[in-house]
N, C-alpha and C. Protein backbone atom coordinates (compact mmCIF):
# COMPACT_ATOMS: atom_id res chain seq x y z
N MET A 1 25.89 -16.96 3.93
CA MET A 1 25.89 -16.81 2.48
C MET A 1 27.13 -17.51 1.92
N ALA A 2 26.95 -18.24 0.88
CA ALA A 2 28.07 -18.93 0.23
C ALA A 2 28.71 -18.02 -0.81
N ALA A 3 29.91 -18.40 -1.24
CA ALA A 3 30.62 -17.60 -2.24
C ALA A 3 29.82 -17.56 -3.53
N ASN A 4 29.69 -16.41 -4.10
CA ASN A 4 28.91 -16.19 -5.31
C ASN A 4 29.52 -15.07 -6.11
N ARG A 5 28.99 -14.84 -7.26
CA ARG A 5 29.35 -13.69 -8.07
C ARG A 5 28.06 -13.11 -8.63
N ALA A 6 28.12 -11.88 -9.08
CA ALA A 6 26.93 -11.24 -9.64
C ALA A 6 26.35 -12.06 -10.79
N GLU A 7 27.21 -12.67 -11.59
CA GLU A 7 26.74 -13.47 -12.73
C GLU A 7 25.90 -14.66 -12.26
N LEU A 8 26.29 -15.25 -11.13
CA LEU A 8 25.54 -16.39 -10.62
C LEU A 8 24.18 -15.96 -10.07
N VAL A 9 24.15 -14.82 -9.40
CA VAL A 9 22.87 -14.30 -8.91
C VAL A 9 21.98 -13.97 -10.10
N TRP A 10 22.54 -13.34 -11.12
CA TRP A 10 21.78 -13.02 -12.34
C TRP A 10 21.20 -14.31 -12.94
N ALA A 11 22.01 -15.36 -13.02
CA ALA A 11 21.56 -16.63 -13.60
C ALA A 11 20.43 -17.25 -12.78
N ARG A 12 20.51 -17.14 -11.45
CA ARG A 12 19.46 -17.69 -10.59
C ARG A 12 18.15 -16.94 -10.82
N VAL A 13 18.21 -15.61 -10.85
CA VAL A 13 16.99 -14.82 -11.05
C VAL A 13 16.45 -15.06 -12.46
N ASN A 14 17.33 -15.17 -13.44
CA ASN A 14 16.92 -15.47 -14.80
C ASN A 14 16.17 -16.80 -14.85
N SER A 15 16.66 -17.79 -14.13
CA SER A 15 16.02 -19.10 -14.08
C SER A 15 14.63 -19.03 -13.46
N VAL A 16 14.48 -18.22 -12.42
CA VAL A 16 13.17 -18.04 -11.79
C VAL A 16 12.18 -17.48 -12.81
N CYS A 17 12.60 -16.48 -13.58
CA CYS A 17 11.71 -15.85 -14.54
C CYS A 17 11.34 -16.78 -15.70
N ALA A 18 12.30 -17.59 -16.14
CA ALA A 18 12.09 -18.42 -17.33
C ALA A 18 11.43 -19.77 -17.04
N SER A 19 11.29 -20.13 -15.77
CA SER A 19 10.71 -21.43 -15.45
C SER A 19 9.29 -21.28 -14.90
N ALA A 20 8.64 -22.41 -14.69
CA ALA A 20 7.27 -22.42 -14.17
C ALA A 20 7.27 -21.81 -12.77
N PRO A 21 6.27 -21.09 -12.39
CA PRO A 21 4.99 -20.89 -13.07
C PRO A 21 4.98 -19.71 -14.04
N PHE A 22 6.08 -18.97 -14.13
CA PHE A 22 6.08 -17.76 -14.96
C PHE A 22 6.24 -18.09 -16.44
N ASP A 23 7.25 -18.87 -16.77
CA ASP A 23 7.54 -19.22 -18.16
C ASP A 23 7.66 -18.00 -19.06
N PHE A 24 8.29 -16.94 -18.53
CA PHE A 24 8.54 -15.76 -19.35
C PHE A 24 9.59 -16.10 -20.40
N ILE A 25 9.63 -15.31 -21.46
CA ILE A 25 10.56 -15.53 -22.56
C ILE A 25 11.63 -14.44 -22.51
N GLN A 26 12.90 -14.84 -22.48
CA GLN A 26 13.98 -13.87 -22.38
C GLN A 26 14.09 -13.05 -23.66
N ALA A 27 14.18 -11.73 -23.50
CA ALA A 27 14.34 -10.82 -24.64
C ALA A 27 15.69 -11.05 -25.30
N PRO A 28 15.79 -10.86 -26.62
CA PRO A 28 17.06 -11.07 -27.31
C PRO A 28 18.17 -10.12 -26.84
N SER A 29 17.80 -8.94 -26.41
CA SER A 29 18.78 -7.96 -25.95
C SER A 29 18.64 -7.76 -24.44
N PRO A 30 19.75 -7.73 -23.70
CA PRO A 30 19.65 -7.50 -22.27
C PRO A 30 19.41 -6.02 -21.92
N PHE A 31 19.43 -5.15 -22.92
CA PHE A 31 19.36 -3.72 -22.64
C PHE A 31 18.04 -3.06 -23.04
N SER A 32 17.24 -3.72 -23.86
CA SER A 32 15.95 -3.14 -24.26
C SER A 32 15.09 -4.23 -24.89
N PHE A 33 13.86 -3.87 -25.16
CA PHE A 33 12.95 -4.78 -25.85
C PHE A 33 12.87 -4.45 -27.35
N SER A 34 13.75 -3.58 -27.83
CA SER A 34 13.67 -3.11 -29.21
C SER A 34 13.89 -4.22 -30.24
N GLN A 35 14.61 -5.26 -29.89
CA GLN A 35 14.86 -6.35 -30.83
C GLN A 35 13.87 -7.50 -30.68
N THR A 36 12.92 -7.35 -29.77
CA THR A 36 11.91 -8.39 -29.57
C THR A 36 10.80 -8.20 -30.59
N PRO A 37 10.50 -9.22 -31.39
CA PRO A 37 9.41 -9.10 -32.37
C PRO A 37 8.09 -8.79 -31.68
N THR A 38 7.26 -7.99 -32.31
CA THR A 38 5.98 -7.58 -31.73
C THR A 38 5.14 -8.77 -31.31
N GLY A 39 5.14 -9.82 -32.12
CA GLY A 39 4.34 -10.99 -31.81
C GLY A 39 4.84 -11.78 -30.60
N LEU A 40 6.07 -11.50 -30.16
CA LEU A 40 6.64 -12.22 -29.02
C LEU A 40 6.86 -11.34 -27.79
N ILE A 41 6.34 -10.12 -27.83
CA ILE A 41 6.59 -9.18 -26.74
C ILE A 41 5.84 -9.54 -25.46
N ASP A 42 4.67 -10.17 -25.59
CA ASP A 42 3.91 -10.50 -24.40
C ASP A 42 4.68 -11.53 -23.57
N ARG A 43 4.92 -11.20 -22.30
CA ARG A 43 5.61 -12.06 -21.34
C ARG A 43 7.11 -12.14 -21.59
N ALA A 44 7.65 -11.19 -22.34
CA ALA A 44 9.10 -11.11 -22.52
C ALA A 44 9.71 -10.48 -21.27
N PHE A 45 10.94 -10.88 -20.94
CA PHE A 45 11.60 -10.31 -19.78
C PHE A 45 13.09 -10.10 -20.08
N ARG A 46 13.68 -9.24 -19.27
CA ARG A 46 15.12 -9.04 -19.29
C ARG A 46 15.54 -8.62 -17.89
N ILE A 47 16.82 -8.85 -17.58
CA ILE A 47 17.32 -8.57 -16.24
C ILE A 47 18.60 -7.76 -16.34
N GLU A 48 18.69 -6.74 -15.51
CA GLU A 48 19.91 -5.94 -15.40
C GLU A 48 20.38 -5.99 -13.94
N MET A 49 21.70 -6.04 -13.76
CA MET A 49 22.28 -5.97 -12.42
C MET A 49 22.99 -4.63 -12.28
N GLU A 50 22.83 -4.01 -11.13
CA GLU A 50 23.48 -2.74 -10.85
C GLU A 50 24.26 -2.85 -9.55
N GLU A 51 25.54 -2.55 -9.61
CA GLU A 51 26.35 -2.58 -8.40
C GLU A 51 25.90 -1.46 -7.47
N ALA A 52 25.60 -1.85 -6.24
CA ALA A 52 25.16 -0.85 -5.27
C ALA A 52 26.19 -0.61 -4.18
N GLY A 53 26.99 -1.62 -3.85
CA GLY A 53 28.04 -1.36 -2.88
C GLY A 53 28.43 -2.54 -2.04
N VAL A 54 29.62 -2.42 -1.47
CA VAL A 54 30.16 -3.43 -0.58
C VAL A 54 29.72 -3.09 0.83
N ILE A 55 29.27 -4.10 1.58
CA ILE A 55 28.82 -3.85 2.95
C ILE A 55 29.73 -4.50 3.98
N GLY A 56 30.79 -5.18 3.56
CA GLY A 56 31.75 -5.79 4.48
C GLY A 56 32.53 -6.88 3.77
N GLY A 57 33.30 -7.62 4.54
CA GLY A 57 34.04 -8.73 3.97
C GLY A 57 35.29 -9.05 4.74
N LEU A 58 35.79 -10.27 4.51
CA LEU A 58 36.99 -10.76 5.15
C LEU A 58 37.74 -11.67 4.19
N SER A 59 39.06 -11.66 4.25
CA SER A 59 39.89 -12.67 3.62
C SER A 59 39.49 -12.98 2.17
N TYR A 60 39.66 -12.03 1.30
CA TYR A 60 39.41 -12.18 -0.13
C TYR A 60 37.94 -12.44 -0.49
N THR A 61 37.04 -12.01 0.36
CA THR A 61 35.62 -12.05 0.04
C THR A 61 35.02 -10.69 0.41
N GLU A 62 33.90 -10.41 -0.15
CA GLU A 62 33.18 -9.20 0.23
C GLU A 62 31.69 -9.50 0.24
N ASP A 63 31.00 -8.92 1.20
CA ASP A 63 29.55 -9.00 1.24
C ASP A 63 29.03 -7.82 0.46
N ARG A 64 28.20 -8.10 -0.53
CA ARG A 64 27.71 -7.06 -1.43
C ARG A 64 26.20 -6.94 -1.34
N THR A 65 25.71 -5.76 -1.63
CA THR A 65 24.30 -5.54 -1.90
C THR A 65 24.24 -4.90 -3.27
N ASP A 66 23.66 -5.61 -4.22
CA ASP A 66 23.48 -5.08 -5.58
C ASP A 66 21.99 -5.03 -5.88
N LEU A 67 21.64 -4.32 -6.92
CA LEU A 67 20.24 -4.21 -7.32
C LEU A 67 20.00 -5.05 -8.56
N VAL A 68 18.94 -5.84 -8.53
CA VAL A 68 18.51 -6.60 -9.68
C VAL A 68 17.27 -5.90 -10.22
N HIS A 69 17.31 -5.53 -11.49
CA HIS A 69 16.15 -4.91 -12.15
C HIS A 69 15.57 -5.95 -13.10
N ILE A 70 14.34 -6.36 -12.84
CA ILE A 70 13.64 -7.31 -13.69
C ILE A 70 12.60 -6.52 -14.48
N TRP A 71 12.70 -6.59 -15.81
CA TRP A 71 11.76 -5.92 -16.70
C TRP A 71 10.85 -6.99 -17.32
N VAL A 72 9.55 -6.78 -17.25
CA VAL A 72 8.58 -7.69 -17.87
C VAL A 72 7.68 -6.86 -18.78
N ALA A 73 7.51 -7.32 -20.00
CA ALA A 73 6.62 -6.65 -20.96
C ALA A 73 5.34 -7.45 -21.11
N ARG A 74 4.24 -6.76 -21.19
CA ARG A 74 2.94 -7.38 -21.42
C ARG A 74 2.25 -6.63 -22.56
N ALA A 75 1.75 -7.37 -23.53
CA ALA A 75 1.01 -6.76 -24.64
C ALA A 75 -0.28 -6.15 -24.11
N LEU A 76 -0.61 -4.98 -24.64
CA LEU A 76 -1.82 -4.29 -24.17
C LEU A 76 -3.08 -4.87 -24.79
N ALA A 77 -3.00 -5.26 -26.06
CA ALA A 77 -4.17 -5.78 -26.79
C ALA A 77 -5.34 -4.82 -26.61
N SER A 78 -6.50 -5.37 -26.29
CA SER A 78 -7.67 -4.50 -26.13
C SER A 78 -8.08 -4.37 -24.67
N ALA A 79 -7.23 -4.82 -23.75
CA ALA A 79 -7.60 -4.80 -22.34
C ALA A 79 -6.49 -4.22 -21.47
N PRO A 80 -6.28 -2.90 -21.55
CA PRO A 80 -5.20 -2.31 -20.76
C PRO A 80 -5.37 -2.48 -19.25
N GLN A 81 -6.58 -2.49 -18.73
CA GLN A 81 -6.79 -2.69 -17.29
C GLN A 81 -6.34 -4.09 -16.87
N ASP A 82 -6.65 -5.09 -17.70
CA ASP A 82 -6.22 -6.46 -17.40
C ASP A 82 -4.70 -6.57 -17.46
N THR A 83 -4.08 -5.86 -18.40
CA THR A 83 -2.62 -5.86 -18.51
C THR A 83 -2.01 -5.25 -17.26
N TYR A 84 -2.58 -4.15 -16.80
CA TYR A 84 -2.09 -3.49 -15.60
C TYR A 84 -2.17 -4.44 -14.40
N ARG A 85 -3.32 -5.10 -14.24
CA ARG A 85 -3.49 -6.06 -13.14
C ARG A 85 -2.49 -7.21 -13.25
N SER A 86 -2.25 -7.69 -14.47
CA SER A 86 -1.29 -8.77 -14.67
C SER A 86 0.12 -8.35 -14.25
N LEU A 87 0.48 -7.12 -14.57
CA LEU A 87 1.81 -6.63 -14.20
C LEU A 87 1.95 -6.48 -12.68
N LEU A 88 0.89 -6.06 -12.02
CA LEU A 88 0.92 -5.97 -10.55
C LEU A 88 1.07 -7.36 -9.93
N THR A 89 0.35 -8.33 -10.49
CA THR A 89 0.48 -9.72 -10.01
C THR A 89 1.88 -10.25 -10.28
N ASP A 90 2.42 -9.94 -11.47
CA ASP A 90 3.78 -10.35 -11.79
C ASP A 90 4.76 -9.81 -10.75
N ALA A 91 4.59 -8.56 -10.36
CA ALA A 91 5.51 -7.92 -9.41
C ALA A 91 5.51 -8.64 -8.07
N THR A 92 4.35 -8.91 -7.52
CA THR A 92 4.30 -9.57 -6.21
C THR A 92 4.74 -11.02 -6.31
N SER A 93 4.35 -11.71 -7.36
CA SER A 93 4.71 -13.12 -7.52
C SER A 93 6.21 -13.28 -7.76
N LEU A 94 6.79 -12.44 -8.60
CA LEU A 94 8.23 -12.51 -8.85
C LEU A 94 9.03 -12.18 -7.60
N THR A 95 8.58 -11.20 -6.85
CA THR A 95 9.27 -10.86 -5.60
C THR A 95 9.29 -12.07 -4.68
N ALA A 96 8.15 -12.69 -4.48
CA ALA A 96 8.07 -13.86 -3.60
C ALA A 96 8.95 -15.00 -4.12
N ALA A 97 8.95 -15.23 -5.42
CA ALA A 97 9.73 -16.33 -6.00
C ALA A 97 11.23 -16.09 -5.87
N VAL A 98 11.67 -14.86 -6.09
CA VAL A 98 13.11 -14.55 -5.99
C VAL A 98 13.55 -14.63 -4.53
N VAL A 99 12.74 -14.13 -3.61
CA VAL A 99 13.06 -14.23 -2.18
C VAL A 99 13.19 -15.70 -1.78
N ARG A 100 12.25 -16.52 -2.21
CA ARG A 100 12.27 -17.95 -1.87
C ARG A 100 13.47 -18.65 -2.49
N ASP A 101 13.78 -18.33 -3.74
CA ASP A 101 14.93 -18.95 -4.40
C ASP A 101 16.21 -18.65 -3.64
N GLY A 102 16.39 -17.42 -3.23
CA GLY A 102 17.61 -17.06 -2.51
C GLY A 102 17.71 -17.69 -1.14
N ALA A 103 16.59 -17.79 -0.45
CA ALA A 103 16.61 -18.27 0.92
C ALA A 103 16.50 -19.78 1.05
N GLU A 104 15.72 -20.42 0.19
CA GLU A 104 15.41 -21.84 0.39
C GLU A 104 15.85 -22.77 -0.73
N LEU A 105 16.05 -22.27 -1.92
CA LEU A 105 16.28 -23.15 -3.06
C LEU A 105 17.72 -23.14 -3.56
N GLY A 106 18.64 -22.71 -2.73
CA GLY A 106 20.04 -22.80 -3.10
C GLY A 106 20.62 -21.59 -3.78
N GLY A 107 19.89 -20.49 -3.83
CA GLY A 107 20.40 -19.29 -4.48
C GLY A 107 21.52 -18.62 -3.70
N ASP A 108 21.56 -18.86 -2.40
CA ASP A 108 22.60 -18.29 -1.54
C ASP A 108 22.69 -16.78 -1.60
N TYR A 109 21.56 -16.13 -1.62
CA TYR A 109 21.50 -14.68 -1.54
C TYR A 109 20.27 -14.31 -0.72
N ASP A 110 20.26 -13.10 -0.20
CA ASP A 110 19.12 -12.59 0.56
C ASP A 110 18.53 -11.41 -0.19
N VAL A 111 17.24 -11.20 0.01
CA VAL A 111 16.55 -10.05 -0.59
C VAL A 111 15.96 -9.23 0.54
N PRO A 112 16.68 -8.18 0.98
CA PRO A 112 16.15 -7.35 2.06
C PRO A 112 14.92 -6.53 1.61
N ASP A 113 14.16 -6.10 2.60
CA ASP A 113 12.97 -5.31 2.30
C ASP A 113 13.32 -3.91 1.80
N ASP A 114 14.32 -3.29 2.44
CA ASP A 114 14.68 -1.93 2.06
C ASP A 114 15.28 -1.91 0.66
N GLY A 115 14.77 -1.03 -0.17
CA GLY A 115 15.29 -0.88 -1.52
C GLY A 115 14.44 -1.54 -2.59
N ARG A 116 13.41 -2.27 -2.19
CA ARG A 116 12.53 -2.89 -3.19
C ARG A 116 11.66 -1.82 -3.83
N GLY A 117 11.32 -2.03 -5.07
CA GLY A 117 10.44 -1.08 -5.72
C GLY A 117 9.92 -1.61 -7.04
N LYS A 118 8.85 -0.99 -7.52
CA LYS A 118 8.31 -1.36 -8.82
C LYS A 118 7.73 -0.13 -9.49
N THR A 119 7.84 -0.10 -10.80
CA THR A 119 7.19 0.93 -11.59
C THR A 119 6.50 0.25 -12.77
N LEU A 120 5.38 0.80 -13.14
CA LEU A 120 4.66 0.34 -14.32
C LEU A 120 4.64 1.50 -15.29
N GLU A 121 4.96 1.22 -16.53
CA GLU A 121 5.02 2.31 -17.50
C GLU A 121 4.51 1.87 -18.85
N HIS A 122 4.02 2.86 -19.58
CA HIS A 122 3.55 2.61 -20.94
C HIS A 122 3.90 3.81 -21.79
N ASP A 123 4.61 3.54 -22.85
CA ASP A 123 4.94 4.56 -23.84
C ASP A 123 3.91 4.43 -24.96
N ARG A 124 3.22 5.49 -25.26
CA ARG A 124 2.13 5.42 -26.26
C ARG A 124 2.59 4.94 -27.64
N THR A 125 3.89 4.98 -27.89
CA THR A 125 4.38 4.52 -29.19
C THR A 125 4.53 3.00 -29.23
N ASN A 126 4.39 2.33 -28.09
CA ASN A 126 4.53 0.88 -28.02
C ASN A 126 3.19 0.21 -27.76
N GLU A 127 3.08 -1.04 -28.17
CA GLU A 127 1.85 -1.80 -27.96
C GLU A 127 1.95 -2.68 -26.72
N PHE A 128 2.82 -2.29 -25.81
CA PHE A 128 3.00 -3.07 -24.59
C PHE A 128 3.26 -2.15 -23.41
N ALA A 129 3.04 -2.69 -22.23
CA ALA A 129 3.33 -1.99 -20.98
C ALA A 129 4.47 -2.73 -20.29
N LEU A 130 5.20 -2.01 -19.44
CA LEU A 130 6.37 -2.57 -18.79
C LEU A 130 6.26 -2.53 -17.27
N LEU A 131 6.74 -3.59 -16.66
CA LEU A 131 6.98 -3.63 -15.23
C LEU A 131 8.48 -3.55 -15.03
N ARG A 132 8.92 -2.68 -14.15
CA ARG A 132 10.33 -2.66 -13.73
C ARG A 132 10.33 -2.94 -12.24
N LEU A 133 10.78 -4.13 -11.91
CA LEU A 133 10.84 -4.58 -10.53
C LEU A 133 12.29 -4.48 -10.06
N THR A 134 12.51 -3.76 -8.97
CA THR A 134 13.86 -3.60 -8.42
C THR A 134 13.94 -4.33 -7.09
N LEU A 135 14.91 -5.24 -7.02
CA LEU A 135 15.12 -6.01 -5.78
C LEU A 135 16.57 -5.92 -5.38
N PRO A 136 16.85 -5.52 -4.13
CA PRO A 136 18.23 -5.56 -3.65
C PRO A 136 18.58 -7.01 -3.32
N VAL A 137 19.80 -7.41 -3.61
CA VAL A 137 20.25 -8.75 -3.26
C VAL A 137 21.57 -8.66 -2.49
N ASN A 138 21.64 -9.36 -1.38
CA ASN A 138 22.87 -9.46 -0.60
C ASN A 138 23.50 -10.81 -0.90
N TYR A 139 24.78 -10.81 -1.19
CA TYR A 139 25.48 -12.07 -1.44
C TYR A 139 26.96 -11.88 -1.14
N GLU A 140 27.66 -12.99 -1.02
CA GLU A 140 29.08 -12.96 -0.75
C GLU A 140 29.82 -13.21 -2.05
N ALA A 141 30.79 -12.37 -2.37
CA ALA A 141 31.55 -12.50 -3.61
C ALA A 141 33.01 -12.76 -3.30
N ALA A 142 33.60 -13.68 -4.02
CA ALA A 142 35.03 -13.92 -3.89
C ALA A 142 35.78 -12.88 -4.69
N LEU A 143 36.87 -12.38 -4.15
CA LEU A 143 37.68 -11.37 -4.85
C LEU A 143 38.70 -12.03 -5.73
């Protein structure tokens, strides 16, 4: 693993979400979808990083495992079953893309199997459903 920082890992994952084949649209706020206009909520995404812990290190570096939470919103429209299926596809496709980016495309991070997870949720007050994809990332950080 090459020297990295959480911000660089966040930027790599952000790039995966915003580029082809996903072409998701980044939400205006990194903390919620509340500022996203209703007409633009479909395929909106946001990313949060959570420090999970140091797993080792030497000489002003540390090996870290942090959690990346990728949130994707999909408009329900008149087909909630199709929206649910789309979110499930998004989860598996995003997982594969982030794993590949880290391992093969210069991301310089690993995505271990342990700690991965996804939840799908819908609040009846909103016209959209949410995917929350959690991926652990291992990377080396300079101190």
